[in-house]
Amino acid sequence: MLTALFFHQAVIAAQKNIDLGWFAAGFTLFAITSVLGAFGSGPLIDKYGARKLFPYHLLPLMMAVVVLAMTETAQVIPVYMALAGFTTGTATTLRTAIIPELVPMSEIGSVRSSLTAIMVLASSAGPPIYGWLFAAHVNLPTILIATVIGMAIATALSWLAERPGFYVPPHFGQRRAA
C-alpha cells in the first residue's frame, strides 16, 4: 500500500492541490522516523517479543493515511511521511525478529525467501491497482479509507492470532524423545 501511495504521490498532490515539493521534503522525515522506528522497536521486541508487537505496527501508518484522507492542507504531508516512516522502520525490524518466533530453525531460510517474494509481489501489485482505481475515477478519500480498512483488517487478524489457542506455531509444544 505504501509503495502505491508513494508511486502515485503526484496524483495525490494534484487531487489535493498540494505542491509536490511537500512530498519530496517529506522523504527526509520519512527516513529519519524510519531509522527511529527501527532502533526504537529493537529493545521493545527484546522485552515483549515480536509476536506481541506485530499487531500494533501498522497503527502509525493507519493514522498517517487517515490524516492524508481527511485533510486538504500541505502541512499534513510531513505528519503523513513521518508516521509512514516510523511504521516502515518498525516493520523492518519486526520482519526479521518474528520469523524465528514462528518457524522452526530448519525452515527459516525457506520462509524468509517466500515472505520476501510475497512482499515484492505485493509491493509491485499496489501501483497498478491504485492506478486502475484512479483511472476509474474512484475519489482519493475513498481509496485512502479503503487502504485504512485493509490495514485495520490485517491488524485485527494479527491481534486475533495472538489470542490463546488461536495459533500455535508447529514447533511449539513438541516434546523431545527421551
Protein backbone atom coordinates (compact mmCIF):
# COMPACT_ATOMS: atom_id res chain seq x y z
CA MET A 1 0.00 0.00 0.00
CA LEU A 2 2.77 2.40 0.87
CA THR A 3 4.56 1.68 -2.41
CA ALA A 4 1.34 2.50 -4.26
CA LEU A 5 0.87 5.72 -2.29
CA PHE A 6 4.46 6.79 -2.99
CA PHE A 7 4.21 5.80 -6.65
CA HIS A 8 1.07 7.91 -7.07
CA GLN A 9 2.14 10.87 -4.94
CA ALA A 10 1.87 13.21 -7.94
CA VAL A 11 -1.78 12.21 -8.41
CA ILE A 12 -2.43 12.62 -4.69
CA ALA A 13 -0.72 16.02 -4.68
CA ALA A 14 -2.72 17.16 -7.74
CA GLN A 15 -6.04 15.99 -6.31
CA LYS A 16 -5.35 17.69 -3.00
CA ASN A 17 -3.91 20.79 -4.70
CA ILE A 18 -0.66 20.39 -2.77
CA ASP A 19 2.71 21.24 -4.25
CA LEU A 20 4.66 18.04 -4.94
CA GLY A 21 7.66 19.60 -3.19
CA TRP A 22 5.96 18.85 0.14
CA PHE A 23 6.20 15.14 -0.62
CA ALA A 24 9.83 15.45 -1.71
CA ALA A 25 10.70 17.28 1.52
CA GLY A 26 8.72 14.73 3.49
CA PHE A 27 11.06 11.93 2.47
CA THR A 28 13.68 13.39 4.84
CA LEU A 29 11.25 12.94 7.73
CA PHE A 30 10.33 9.51 6.38
CA ALA A 31 14.00 8.48 6.50
CA ILE A 32 14.58 9.90 9.98
CA THR A 33 11.50 8.30 11.50
CA SER A 34 12.22 5.03 9.72
CA VAL A 35 15.58 4.89 11.49
CA LEU A 36 13.93 5.87 14.79
CA GLY A 37 11.30 3.14 14.32
CA ALA A 38 13.95 0.54 13.56
CA PHE A 39 16.12 1.45 16.54
CA GLY A 40 13.20 2.04 18.88
CA SER A 41 11.44 -1.23 18.11
CA GLY A 42 14.51 -3.40 18.78
CA PRO A 43 14.51 -3.04 22.58
CA LEU A 44 10.72 -3.43 22.65
CA ILE A 45 11.00 -6.65 20.65
CA ASP A 46 13.67 -7.89 23.06
CA LYS A 47 11.44 -7.12 26.02
CA TYR A 48 8.00 -8.21 24.74
CA GLY A 49 8.67 -10.34 21.66
CA ALA A 50 7.91 -9.68 18.00
CA ARG A 51 4.65 -11.64 18.09
CA LYS A 52 3.25 -9.37 20.80
CA LEU A 53 4.23 -6.15 19.00
CA PHE A 54 3.36 -7.17 15.44
CA PRO A 55 -0.39 -6.44 15.69
CA TYR A 56 0.32 -2.80 16.53
CA HIS A 57 2.97 -1.88 13.97
CA LEU A 58 0.52 -0.65 11.30
CA LEU A 59 -1.22 1.81 13.64
CA PRO A 60 1.04 4.80 12.81
CA LEU A 61 0.61 4.17 9.07
CA MET A 62 -3.14 3.87 9.52
CA MET A 63 -3.14 7.24 11.30
CA ALA A 64 -0.98 8.69 8.52
CA VAL A 65 -3.38 7.57 5.79
CA VAL A 66 -6.44 8.78 7.74
CA VAL A 67 -4.80 12.18 8.15
CA LEU A 68 -3.99 12.24 4.43
CA ALA A 69 -7.56 11.24 3.54
CA MET A 70 -9.24 13.80 5.75
CA THR A 71 -7.02 16.83 5.25
CA GLU A 72 -6.52 19.12 2.27
CA THR A 73 -3.62 21.15 3.63
CA ALA A 74 0.02 20.76 2.65
CA GLN A 75 1.13 20.82 6.29
CA VAL A 76 -0.26 17.29 6.72
CA ILE A 77 2.40 15.82 4.42
CA PRO A 78 5.24 15.93 7.00
CA VAL A 79 2.98 14.20 9.54
CA TYR A 80 1.96 11.59 6.95
CA MET A 81 5.56 10.93 5.90
CA ALA A 82 6.86 10.79 9.48
CA LEU A 83 4.23 8.28 10.60
CA ALA A 84 4.75 6.19 7.45
CA GLY A 85 8.50 6.17 8.09
CA PHE A 86 8.04 5.06 11.68
CA THR A 87 5.90 2.13 10.55
CA THR A 88 8.41 1.19 7.87
CA GLY A 89 11.32 1.15 10.32
CA THR A 90 9.38 -0.83 12.87
CA ALA A 91 8.17 -3.31 10.24
CA THR A 92 11.72 -3.90 9.01
CA THR A 93 12.87 -4.89 12.49
CA LEU A 94 9.73 -6.92 13.20
CA ARG A 95 10.04 -8.89 9.96
CA THR A 96 13.50 -10.03 10.97
CA ALA A 97 12.54 -10.90 14.54
CA ILE A 98 9.16 -12.57 14.08
CA ILE A 99 10.20 -15.40 11.79
CA PRO A 100 12.31 -17.25 14.39
CA GLU A 101 9.40 -16.91 16.83
CA LEU A 102 7.01 -18.62 14.42
CA VAL A 103 9.06 -21.06 12.37
CA PRO A 104 11.36 -23.97 13.22
CA MET A 105 15.03 -23.07 12.79
CA SER A 106 15.38 -25.63 10.00
CA GLU A 107 12.84 -23.71 7.88
CA ILE A 108 13.88 -20.08 8.43
CA GLY A 109 15.63 -19.71 5.06
CA SER A 110 12.68 -21.09 3.10
CA VAL A 111 10.17 -18.96 4.97
CA ARG A 112 12.25 -15.77 4.67
CA SER A 113 12.69 -16.26 0.93
CA SER A 114 8.98 -16.97 0.48
CA LEU A 115 7.94 -13.94 2.52
CA THR A 116 10.39 -11.71 0.64
CA ALA A 117 8.99 -12.90 -2.69
CA ILE A 118 5.42 -12.29 -1.50
CA MET A 119 6.37 -8.84 -0.22
CA VAL A 120 7.98 -7.90 -3.55
CA LEU A 121 4.96 -9.21 -5.47
CA ALA A 122 2.52 -7.31 -3.22
CA SER A 123 4.62 -4.16 -3.48
CA SER A 124 4.62 -4.36 -7.27
CA ALA A 125 0.85 -5.02 -7.38
CA GLY A 126 -0.04 -1.87 -5.45
CA PRO A 127 0.78 0.82 -8.03
CA PRO A 128 -1.28 -0.71 -10.88
CA ILE A 129 -4.22 -1.40 -8.58
CA TYR A 130 -4.26 2.19 -7.33
CA GLY A 131 -3.70 3.38 -10.91
CA TRP A 132 -6.77 1.46 -12.10
CA LEU A 133 -8.77 2.96 -9.25
CA PHE A 134 -7.65 6.47 -10.22
CA ALA A 135 -8.40 5.74 -13.90
CA ALA A 136 -11.87 4.54 -12.89
CA HIS A 137 -12.38 7.92 -11.19
CA VAL A 138 -12.66 6.48 -7.69
CA ASN A 139 -12.11 9.50 -5.49
CA LEU A 140 -8.97 9.76 -3.40
CA PRO A 141 -10.62 9.74 0.06
CA THR A 142 -12.42 6.50 -0.87
CA ILE A 143 -9.17 4.87 -1.96
CA LEU A 144 -7.39 6.04 1.19
CA ILE A 145 -10.17 4.90 3.53
CA ALA A 146 -10.24 1.52 1.75
CA THR A 147 -6.47 1.37 2.35
CA VAL A 148 -7.02 2.01 6.06
CA ILE A 149 -9.75 -0.63 6.18
CA GLY A 150 -7.35 -3.16 4.62
CA MET A 151 -4.72 -2.33 7.22
CA ALA A 152 -7.32 -2.50 10.00
CA ILE A 153 -8.33 -5.99 8.88
CA ALA A 154 -4.69 -7.11 8.83
CA THR A 155 -4.19 -5.58 12.28
CA ALA A 156 -7.29 -7.28 13.69
CA LEU A 157 -6.28 -10.67 12.26
CA SER A 158 -2.75 -10.39 13.63
CA TRP A 159 -4.16 -9.35 17.02
CA LEU A 160 -6.52 -12.35 16.96
CA ALA A 161 -3.63 -14.62 16.09
CA GLU A 162 -2.05 -13.73 19.41
CA ARG A 163 -5.07 -14.77 21.45
CA PRO A 164 -4.57 -18.02 23.39
CA GLY A 165 -5.35 -21.08 21.31
CA PHE A 166 -5.85 -19.19 18.05
CA TYR A 167 -2.49 -20.14 16.58
CA VAL A 168 0.28 -22.29 17.94
CA PRO A 169 3.38 -22.47 15.75
CA PRO A 170 4.11 -26.08 14.74
CA HIS A 171 7.43 -26.32 16.57
CA PHE A 172 5.99 -25.15 19.89
CA GLY A 173 4.71 -27.80 22.21
CA GLN A 174 6.68 -30.60 20.56
CA ARG A 175 8.33 -32.85 23.05
CA ARG A 176 11.73 -34.30 22.59
CA ALA A 177 12.08 -38.04 22.60
CA ALA A 178 13.86 -39.16 25.73
